[in-house]
C-alpha atoms as a PDB file:
ATOM      1  CA  MET A   1      76.710 -42.934 -21.622  1.00  0.00           C
ATOM      2  CA  PRO A   2      75.121 -45.815 -23.395  1.00  0.00           C
ATOM      3  CA  ILE A   3      72.591 -45.187 -25.793  1.00  0.00           C
ATOM      4  CA  LYS A   4      70.839 -47.217 -28.021  1.00  0.00           C
ATOM      5  CA  ILE A   5      69.053 -45.322 -31.358  1.00  0.00           C
ATOM      6  CA  GLU A   6      66.434 -47.929 -32.438  1.00  0.00           C
ATOM      7  CA  VAL A   7      64.455 -46.959 -35.624  1.00  0.00           C
ATOM      8  CA  LYS A   8      61.238 -48.907 -36.503  1.00  0.00           C
ATOM      9  CA  GLY A   9      60.113 -50.268 -39.863  1.00  0.00           C
ATOM     10  CA  TYR A  10      60.798 -48.749 -42.864  1.00  0.00           C
ATOM     11  CA  ASP A  11      63.563 -49.548 -45.873  1.00  0.00           C
ATOM     12  CA  GLU A  12      66.858 -49.459 -44.910  1.00  0.00           C
ATOM     13  CA  ALA A  13      67.384 -45.884 -46.630  1.00  0.00           C
ATOM     14  CA  VAL A  14      64.715 -44.580 -44.004  1.00  0.00           C
ATOM     15  CA  LYS A  15      66.198 -46.038 -41.149  1.00  0.00           C
ATOM     16  CA  ALA A  16      69.782 -45.001 -42.427  1.00  0.00           C
ATOM     17  CA  THR A  17      69.057 -41.665 -42.408  1.00  0.00           C
ATOM     18  CA  ARG A  18      66.684 -41.428 -39.564  1.00  0.00           C
ATOM     19  CA  GLN A  19      69.750 -43.026 -37.681  1.00  0.00           C
ATOM     20  CA  ALA A  20      72.229 -40.646 -39.049  1.00  0.00           C
ATOM     21  CA  VAL A  21      69.853 -37.665 -38.014  1.00  0.00           C
ATOM     22  CA  ALA A  22      69.766 -39.088 -34.713  1.00  0.00           C
ATOM     23  CA  GLN A  23      73.326 -39.373 -34.223  1.00  0.00           C
ATOM     24  CA  ARG A  24      74.255 -36.114 -35.110  1.00  0.00           C
ATOM     25  CA  VAL A  25      71.433 -34.653 -32.531  1.00  0.00           C
ATOM     26  CA  LEU A  26      73.269 -36.847 -29.867  1.00  0.00           C
ATOM     27  CA  ASP A  27      76.858 -35.487 -31.031  1.00  0.00           C
ATOM     28  CA  GLU A  28      75.877 -31.863 -30.671  1.00  0.00           C
ATOM     29  CA  PHE A  29      75.099 -32.873 -26.902  1.00  0.00           C
ATOM     30  CA  GLY A  30      79.071 -34.421 -26.558  1.00  0.00           C
ATOM     31  CA  ASN A  31      79.717 -35.349 -22.984  1.00  0.00           C
ATOM     32  CA  GLY A  32      76.883 -33.123 -21.866  1.00  0.00           C
ATOM     33  CA  LEU A  33      74.295 -36.178 -21.531  1.00  0.00           C
ATOM     34  CA  PRO A  34      74.148 -38.220 -18.543  1.00  0.00           C
ATOM     35  CA  ALA A  35      75.728 -41.990 -17.847  1.00  0.00           C
ATOM     36  CA  LEU A  36      72.142 -43.485 -17.908  1.00  0.00           C
ATOM     37  CA  ARG A  37      71.077 -46.218 -20.319  1.00  0.00           C
ATOM     38  CA  LEU A  38      68.901 -44.358 -22.965  1.00  0.00           C
ATOM     39  CA  LEU A  39      66.761 -46.022 -25.785  1.00  0.00           C
ATOM     40  CA  ALA A  40      66.095 -43.164 -28.333  1.00  0.00           C
ATOM     41  CA  PHE A  41      62.953 -45.017 -30.689  1.00  0.00           C
ATOM     42  CA  PHE A  42      61.649 -43.668 -33.713  1.00  0.00           C
ATOM     43  CA  ASP A  43      58.431 -45.035 -34.611  1.00  0.00           C
ATOM     44  CA  ASP A  44      57.343 -46.141 -38.062  1.00  0.00           C
ATOM     45  CA  GLN A  45      53.626 -45.231 -36.854  1.00  0.00           C
ATOM     46  CA  ASP A  46      51.905 -42.574 -34.362  1.00  0.00           C
ATOM     47  CA  TRP A  47      51.182 -44.874 -31.771  1.00  0.00           C
ATOM     48  CA  GLN A  48      47.487 -43.808 -30.762  1.00  0.00           C
ATOM     49  CA  GLY A  49      48.027 -45.026 -26.930  1.00  0.00           C
ATOM     50  CA  PHE A  50      50.308 -41.916 -26.349  1.00  0.00           C
ATOM     51  CA  ARG A  51      48.327 -39.651 -28.415  1.00  0.00           C
ATOM     52  CA  GLU A  52      45.376 -40.547 -26.476  1.00  0.00           C
ATOM     53  CA  GLU A  53      47.155 -39.964 -23.228  1.00  0.00           C
ATOM     54  CA  LEU A  54      49.612 -37.140 -23.799  1.00  0.00           C
ATOM     55  CA  GLY A  55      47.256 -35.130 -26.448  1.00  0.00           C
ATOM     56  CA  HIS A  56      47.141 -35.125 -30.116  1.00  0.00           C
ATOM     57  CA  THR A  57      49.403 -32.437 -30.678  1.00  0.00           C
ATOM     58  CA  ASN A  58      52.022 -34.520 -29.138  1.00  0.00           C
ATOM     59  CA  ARG A  59      55.288 -35.014 -30.819  1.00  0.00           C
ATOM     60  CA  GLY A  60      57.447 -37.040 -28.949  1.00  0.00           C
ATOM     61  CA  VAL A  61      58.160 -37.720 -25.088  1.00  0.00           C
ATOM     62  CA  HIS A  62      60.628 -38.542 -22.438  1.00  0.00           C
ATOM     63  CA  PHE A  63      59.790 -41.520 -20.258  1.00  0.00           C
ATOM     64  CA  PRO A  64      62.067 -42.191 -17.063  1.00  0.00           C
ATOM     65  CA  VAL A  65      61.984 -45.946 -16.460  1.00  0.00           C
ATOM     66  CA  LYS A  66      61.974 -47.144 -12.688  1.00  0.00           C
ATOM     67  CA  PRO A  67      62.621 -50.618 -11.459  1.00  0.00           C
ATOM     68  CA  ASP A  68      58.433 -50.293 -10.700  1.00  0.00           C
ATOM     69  CA  SER A  69      57.377 -48.657 -13.817  1.00  0.00           C
ATOM     70  CA  ARG A  70      54.533 -50.125 -15.461  1.00  0.00           C
ATOM     71  CA  PHE A  71      53.659 -49.225 -19.343  1.00  0.00           C
ATOM     72  CA  PRO A  72      50.073 -49.738 -19.476  1.00  0.00           C
ATOM     73  CA  ASN A  73      49.914 -47.930 -23.118  1.00  0.00           C
ATOM     74  CA  TRP A  74      52.853 -49.016 -24.640  1.00  0.00           C
ATOM     75  CA  PRO A  75      52.741 -50.769 -27.648  1.00  0.00           C
ATOM     76  CA  GLN A  76      54.182 -54.271 -27.334  1.00  0.00           C
ATOM     77  CA  TYR A  77      57.496 -53.544 -29.248  1.00  0.00           C
ATOM     78  CA  LEU A  78      58.573 -50.780 -27.299  1.00  0.00           C
ATOM     79  CA  TYR A  79      57.774 -52.866 -23.759  1.00  0.00           C
ATOM     80  CA  ARG A  80      59.416 -55.559 -25.064  1.00  0.00           C
ATOM     81  CA  LEU A  81      62.942 -53.694 -25.560  1.00  0.00           C
ATOM     82  CA  VAL A  82      62.607 -52.008 -22.160  1.00  0.00           C
ATOM     83  CA  SER A  83      61.604 -54.857 -20.188  1.00  0.00           C
ATOM     84  CA  VAL A  84      63.582 -57.734 -20.533  1.00  0.00           C
ATOM     85  CA  TRP A  85      63.069 -61.273 -18.673  1.00  0.00           C
ATOM     86  CA  PRO A  86      65.773 -62.822 -16.844  1.00  0.00           C
ATOM     87  CA  GLU A  87      66.250 -66.291 -17.962  1.00  0.00           C
ATOM     88  CA  PRO A  88      69.467 -67.580 -15.715  1.00  0.00           C
ATOM     89  CA  ASN A  89      70.524 -70.974 -17.220  1.00  0.00           C
ATOM     90  CA  GLY A  90      68.007 -70.678 -20.012  1.00  0.00           C
ATOM     91  CA  TYR A  91      64.765 -70.744 -17.643  1.00  0.00           C
ATOM     92  CA  LEU A  92      63.096 -68.975 -15.068  1.00  0.00           C
ATOM     93  CA  ASP A  93      64.088 -70.056 -11.666  1.00  0.00           C
ATOM     94  CA  LEU A  94      60.708 -71.753 -10.028  1.00  0.00           C
ATOM     95  CA  ASN A  95      62.048 -70.920  -6.419  1.00  0.00           C
ATOM     96  CA  ASP A  96      62.149 -67.341  -6.982  1.00  0.00           C
ATOM     97  CA  PRO A  97      59.321 -65.465  -7.552  1.00  0.00           C
ATOM     98  CA  GLU A  98      61.847 -62.185  -7.955  1.00  0.00           C
ATOM     99  CA  SER A  99      63.331 -63.920 -11.276  1.00  0.00           C
ATOM    100  CA  TRP A 100      59.520 -64.137 -12.504  1.00  0.00           C
ATOM    101  CA  ARG A 101      59.983 -60.092 -13.223  1.00  0.00           C
ATOM    102  CA  PRO A 102      61.176 -58.161 -16.261  1.00  0.00           C
ATOM    103  CA  VAL A 103      64.323 -56.067 -15.556  1.00  0.00           C
ATOM    104  CA  LYS A 104      64.228 -52.608 -17.191  1.00  0.00           C
ATOM    105  CA  ALA A 105      66.852 -52.417 -19.730  1.00  0.00           C
ATOM    106  CA  PHE A 106      67.086 -48.906 -19.715  1.00  0.00           C
ATOM    107  CA  ASP A 107      66.716 -45.910 -17.369  1.00  0.00           C
ATOM    108  CA  SER A 108      65.317 -43.563 -19.664  1.00  0.00           C
ATOM    109  CA  VAL A 109      63.252 -43.681 -23.043  1.00  0.00           C
ATOM    110  CA  ILE A 110      62.881 -40.841 -25.820  1.00  0.00           C
ATOM    111  CA  TYR A 111      60.162 -41.963 -28.277  1.00  0.00           C
ATOM    112  CA  LEU A 112      59.321 -40.287 -31.395  1.00  0.00           C
ATOM    113  CA  TYR A 113      56.072 -40.261 -33.748  1.00  0.00           C
ATOM    114  CA  ASP A 114      56.476 -41.319 -37.246  1.00  0.00           C
ATOM    115  CA  SER A 115      55.200 -38.460 -38.263  1.00  0.00           C
ATOM    116  CA  THR A 116      57.398 -36.221 -36.106  1.00  0.00           C
ATOM    117  CA  CYS A 117      60.379 -37.824 -38.106  1.00  0.00           C
ATOM    118  CA  ALA A 118      58.864 -37.225 -41.633  1.00  0.00           C
ATOM    119  CA  GLY A 119      60.909 -34.205 -41.996  1.00  0.00           C
ATOM    120  CA  GLU A 120      64.662 -33.705 -40.625  1.00  0.00           C
ATOM    121  CA  VAL A 121      63.646 -30.349 -38.880  1.00  0.00           C
ATOM    122  CA  GLY A 122      60.763 -31.811 -36.897  1.00  0.00           C
ATOM    123  CA  GLN A 123      63.259 -34.964 -35.798  1.00  0.00           C
ATOM    124  CA  VAL A 124      65.925 -32.603 -34.816  1.00  0.00           C
ATOM    125  CA  MET A 125      63.861 -30.177 -32.696  1.00  0.00           C
ATOM    126  CA  THR A 126      61.861 -32.890 -31.141  1.00  0.00           C
ATOM    127  CA  PHE A 127      65.021 -35.008 -30.391  1.00  0.00           C
ATOM    128  CA  SER A 128      66.903 -32.135 -29.010  1.00  0.00           C
ATOM    129  CA  HIS A 129      64.063 -31.402 -26.819  1.00  0.00           C
ATOM    130  CA  GLU A 130      63.516 -34.596 -25.533  1.00  0.00           C
ATOM    131  CA  LEU A 131      67.266 -34.922 -24.841  1.00  0.00           C
ATOM    132  CA  GLN A 132      66.728 -31.929 -22.751  1.00  0.00           C
ATOM    133  CA  HIS A 133      64.342 -33.839 -20.361  1.00  0.00           C
ATOM    134  CA  PHE A 134      66.498 -36.685 -20.550  1.00  0.00           C
ATOM    135  CA  VAL A 135      69.637 -34.404 -19.321  1.00  0.00           C
ATOM    136  CA  GLN A 136      67.147 -32.841 -16.829  1.00  0.00           C
ATOM    137  CA  TYR A 137      66.374 -35.879 -15.524  1.00  0.00           C
ATOM    138  CA  GLY A 138      70.029 -37.238 -15.312  1.00  0.00           C
ATOM    139  CA  PHE A 139      71.018 -34.169 -13.471  1.00  0.00           C
ATOM    140  CA  SER A 140      68.616 -32.364 -11.815  1.00  0.00           C
ATOM    141  CA  ARG A 141      65.826 -34.967 -10.709  1.00  0.00           C
ATOM    142  CA  LYS A 142      64.656 -32.666  -7.811  1.00  0.00           C
ATOM    143  CA  LEU A 143      63.955 -29.875 -10.334  1.00  0.00           C
END
């Protein structure tokens, strides 16, 4: 279960606290998480593109990432973590157009807004909720 916790911005104390809270939530799930690559992203702002798309009361979201996924409303700093450009031998192969496409570094992304993480209770509740979506995606996609 390769999971990456990424806390954007802030001073080291806030980052460490948010990361520790996220890790405690993950620890509660134990071995109950699917063996998929997950990025748990805790922003230092409330990305308005998601608010406009998902509703202004939205607190966080789970995104499945598929090879053909497009991310038109994503902030660039999040997109760059998920879509990685392959560079064999330090350059793109001009004879292989397939090498010009980004590779998805994760199978799923959980995104939490800054305002969601302002209090530990909000962060724990929302992250736990989004992890349930990740579990459902990983084990029961037909649902």
